[in-house]
């Protein structure tokens, strides 16, 4: 049996059969791209409880000569990548994604779960493309979505 709606058999392992995953959203984390890094462009780091992460970011930017007085939108793609992913060093800056991965260690606390969820958005699962099925469970040539779009059913085979 490859698929049952009452069982997880055949469901995509990445999205647990939901067809969507929650990913960090740059548009939510940096809502005002006209702000500078020093001026609080990274919204989660501007919260009082997370000021230490802002301090770490400022030290990291100073070390790598990333201008903190420049508007976020004017930073190069390489600079943004460093801010988001960090430098990869064991004791270096982990980046915005690394900070959220660290926070996931405290997901048993409700306020941390709410804080993390505030900066995520729902995106189509990259593994199953929203079909909700693991690759081995999809019939060859079958539609990859369980939803009917536009109100019309697909033609019968």
Protein backbone atom coordinates (compact mmCIF):
# COMPACT_ATOMS: atom_id res chain seq x y z
CA UNK A 1 0.00 0.00 0.00
CA UNK A 2 1.60 3.27 -1.14
CA UNK A 3 -1.01 5.82 -0.10
CA UNK A 4 -3.75 6.00 2.46
CA UNK A 5 -5.34 9.22 3.68
CA UNK A 6 -5.66 7.57 7.11
CA UNK A 7 -2.00 6.58 7.34
CA UNK A 8 1.36 8.29 6.77
CA UNK A 9 2.36 5.61 4.25
CA UNK A 10 3.35 7.28 1.00
CA UNK A 11 3.47 10.78 2.50
CA UNK A 12 6.36 13.10 1.69
CA UNK A 13 8.93 12.91 4.48
CA UNK A 14 10.01 16.54 4.13
CA UNK A 15 6.58 18.16 4.62
CA UNK A 16 4.91 15.22 6.43
CA UNK A 17 2.26 15.07 3.71
CA UNK A 18 1.06 18.66 4.10
CA UNK A 19 2.45 19.87 0.75
CA UNK A 20 3.87 23.01 2.35
CA UNK A 21 6.76 23.87 4.66
CA UNK A 22 7.48 26.88 6.84
CA UNK A 23 10.55 28.85 5.77
CA UNK A 24 12.08 32.09 7.02
CA UNK A 25 10.87 35.04 4.98
CA UNK A 26 13.27 37.83 4.07
CA UNK A 27 10.32 40.19 3.53
CA UNK A 28 9.08 39.61 7.08
CA UNK A 29 12.50 39.61 8.76
CA UNK A 30 13.55 42.76 6.87
CA UNK A 31 10.22 44.58 6.46
CA UNK A 32 11.77 47.99 5.69
CA UNK A 33 14.67 47.58 3.30
CA UNK A 34 15.37 51.33 3.49
CA UNK A 35 16.68 50.93 7.05
CA UNK A 36 20.33 50.32 7.81
CA UNK A 37 21.65 47.33 9.74
CA UNK A 38 22.59 49.67 12.58
CA UNK A 39 19.14 51.29 12.37
CA UNK A 40 17.26 48.03 12.97
CA UNK A 41 16.68 46.62 9.49
CA UNK A 42 16.71 43.07 10.91
CA UNK A 43 13.38 43.15 12.78
CA UNK A 44 13.86 40.17 15.15
CA UNK A 45 17.18 41.59 16.36
CA UNK A 46 15.54 44.92 17.19
CA UNK A 47 13.46 43.30 19.96
CA UNK A 48 14.80 43.93 23.49
CA UNK A 49 15.19 40.22 24.31
CA UNK A 50 17.33 39.63 21.19
CA UNK A 51 19.64 42.68 21.31
CA UNK A 52 22.65 40.38 21.84
CA UNK A 53 22.15 39.04 18.32
CA UNK A 54 22.19 42.62 16.99
CA UNK A 55 25.47 43.22 18.82
CA UNK A 56 26.93 40.01 17.34
CA UNK A 57 25.81 41.09 13.87
CA UNK A 58 27.46 44.51 14.27
CA UNK A 59 30.76 42.90 15.38
CA UNK A 60 30.59 40.46 12.45
CA UNK A 61 29.94 43.26 9.95
CA UNK A 62 32.81 45.31 11.37
CA UNK A 63 35.15 42.31 11.08
CA UNK A 64 34.24 41.73 7.42
CA UNK A 65 33.94 45.42 6.46
CA UNK A 66 30.21 45.19 5.74
CA UNK A 67 28.89 48.75 6.05
CA UNK A 68 26.30 48.95 8.86
CA UNK A 69 25.30 52.49 7.92
CA UNK A 70 24.27 51.51 4.40
CA UNK A 71 20.62 50.75 3.63
CA UNK A 72 19.82 47.03 3.51
CA UNK A 73 18.57 47.28 -0.07
CA UNK A 74 21.91 48.79 -1.15
CA UNK A 75 24.02 45.91 0.21
CA UNK A 76 25.45 43.51 -2.36
CA UNK A 77 24.09 39.98 -2.74
CA UNK A 78 27.33 38.58 -1.26
CA UNK A 79 27.00 40.78 1.82
CA UNK A 80 23.36 39.73 2.30
CA UNK A 81 24.37 36.08 1.95
CA UNK A 82 26.96 36.52 4.71
CA UNK A 83 24.40 38.22 6.94
CA UNK A 84 21.86 35.43 6.37
CA UNK A 85 24.20 32.40 6.41
CA UNK A 86 27.13 33.60 8.53
CA UNK A 87 30.77 32.84 7.89
CA UNK A 88 30.62 29.09 8.50
CA UNK A 89 33.24 29.19 11.26
CA UNK A 90 32.58 27.17 14.41
CA UNK A 91 32.90 30.20 16.68
CA UNK A 92 31.98 32.84 14.13
CA UNK A 93 28.68 34.49 13.37
CA UNK A 94 25.96 31.93 12.55
CA UNK A 95 23.84 34.27 10.45
CA UNK A 96 20.13 34.98 10.69
CA UNK A 97 19.28 31.39 9.72
CA UNK A 98 21.72 30.09 12.34
CA UNK A 99 20.12 32.25 15.03
CA UNK A 100 16.70 30.79 14.21
CA UNK A 101 18.16 27.27 14.22
CA UNK A 102 19.57 28.00 17.68
CA UNK A 103 16.18 29.27 18.84
CA UNK A 104 14.59 25.99 17.70
CA UNK A 105 16.40 24.38 20.63
CA UNK A 106 13.98 26.26 22.90
CA UNK A 107 10.82 25.40 20.94
CA UNK A 108 9.37 23.74 24.02
CA UNK A 109 8.68 27.29 25.25
CA UNK A 110 5.53 28.73 23.74
CA UNK A 111 6.83 32.30 23.37
CA UNK A 112 9.83 31.03 21.36
CA UNK A 113 7.55 29.02 19.04
CA UNK A 114 5.40 32.11 18.50
CA UNK A 115 8.48 34.28 17.90
CA UNK A 116 9.90 31.86 15.30
CA UNK A 117 6.53 31.43 13.55
CA UNK A 118 6.11 35.21 13.28
CA UNK A 119 9.03 35.32 10.81
CA UNK A 120 8.11 32.29 8.69
CA UNK A 121 5.93 31.92 5.64
CA UNK A 122 4.30 28.91 4.07
CA UNK A 123 5.97 27.74 0.84
CA UNK A 124 5.30 24.80 -1.44
CA UNK A 125 7.39 21.77 -0.42
CA UNK A 126 10.55 21.63 -2.57
CA UNK A 127 10.64 17.81 -2.46
CA UNK A 128 7.10 16.87 -3.51
CA UNK A 129 6.17 20.20 -5.16
CA UNK A 130 2.94 20.22 -3.15
CA UNK A 131 1.72 16.78 -4.21
CA UNK A 132 2.05 15.57 -0.58
CA UNK A 133 3.46 12.23 -1.79
CA UNK A 134 6.99 10.88 -1.51
CA UNK A 135 8.62 10.40 -4.92
CA UNK A 136 8.13 6.60 -4.94
CA UNK A 137 4.42 6.93 -4.27
CA UNK A 138 3.61 9.17 -7.22
CA UNK A 139 2.28 7.36 -10.26
CA UNK A 140 4.22 8.15 -13.44
CA UNK A 141 2.59 10.93 -15.45
CA UNK A 142 0.03 11.71 -12.75
CA UNK A 143 -0.87 15.24 -11.74
CA UNK A 144 1.38 16.56 -8.99
CA UNK A 145 -1.38 18.40 -7.11
CA UNK A 146 -4.38 17.05 -5.25
CA UNK A 147 -6.21 20.32 -5.73
CA UNK A 148 -8.26 21.26 -8.74
CA UNK A 149 -7.39 24.77 -9.88
CA UNK A 150 -9.72 27.09 -11.71
CA UNK A 151 -12.77 25.01 -10.85
CA UNK A 152 -12.30 22.57 -13.74
CA UNK A 153 -11.32 18.96 -13.22
CA UNK A 154 -8.40 17.55 -15.23
CA UNK A 155 -9.38 15.48 -18.28
CA UNK A 156 -10.05 11.81 -17.60
CA UNK A 157 -7.43 9.39 -18.87
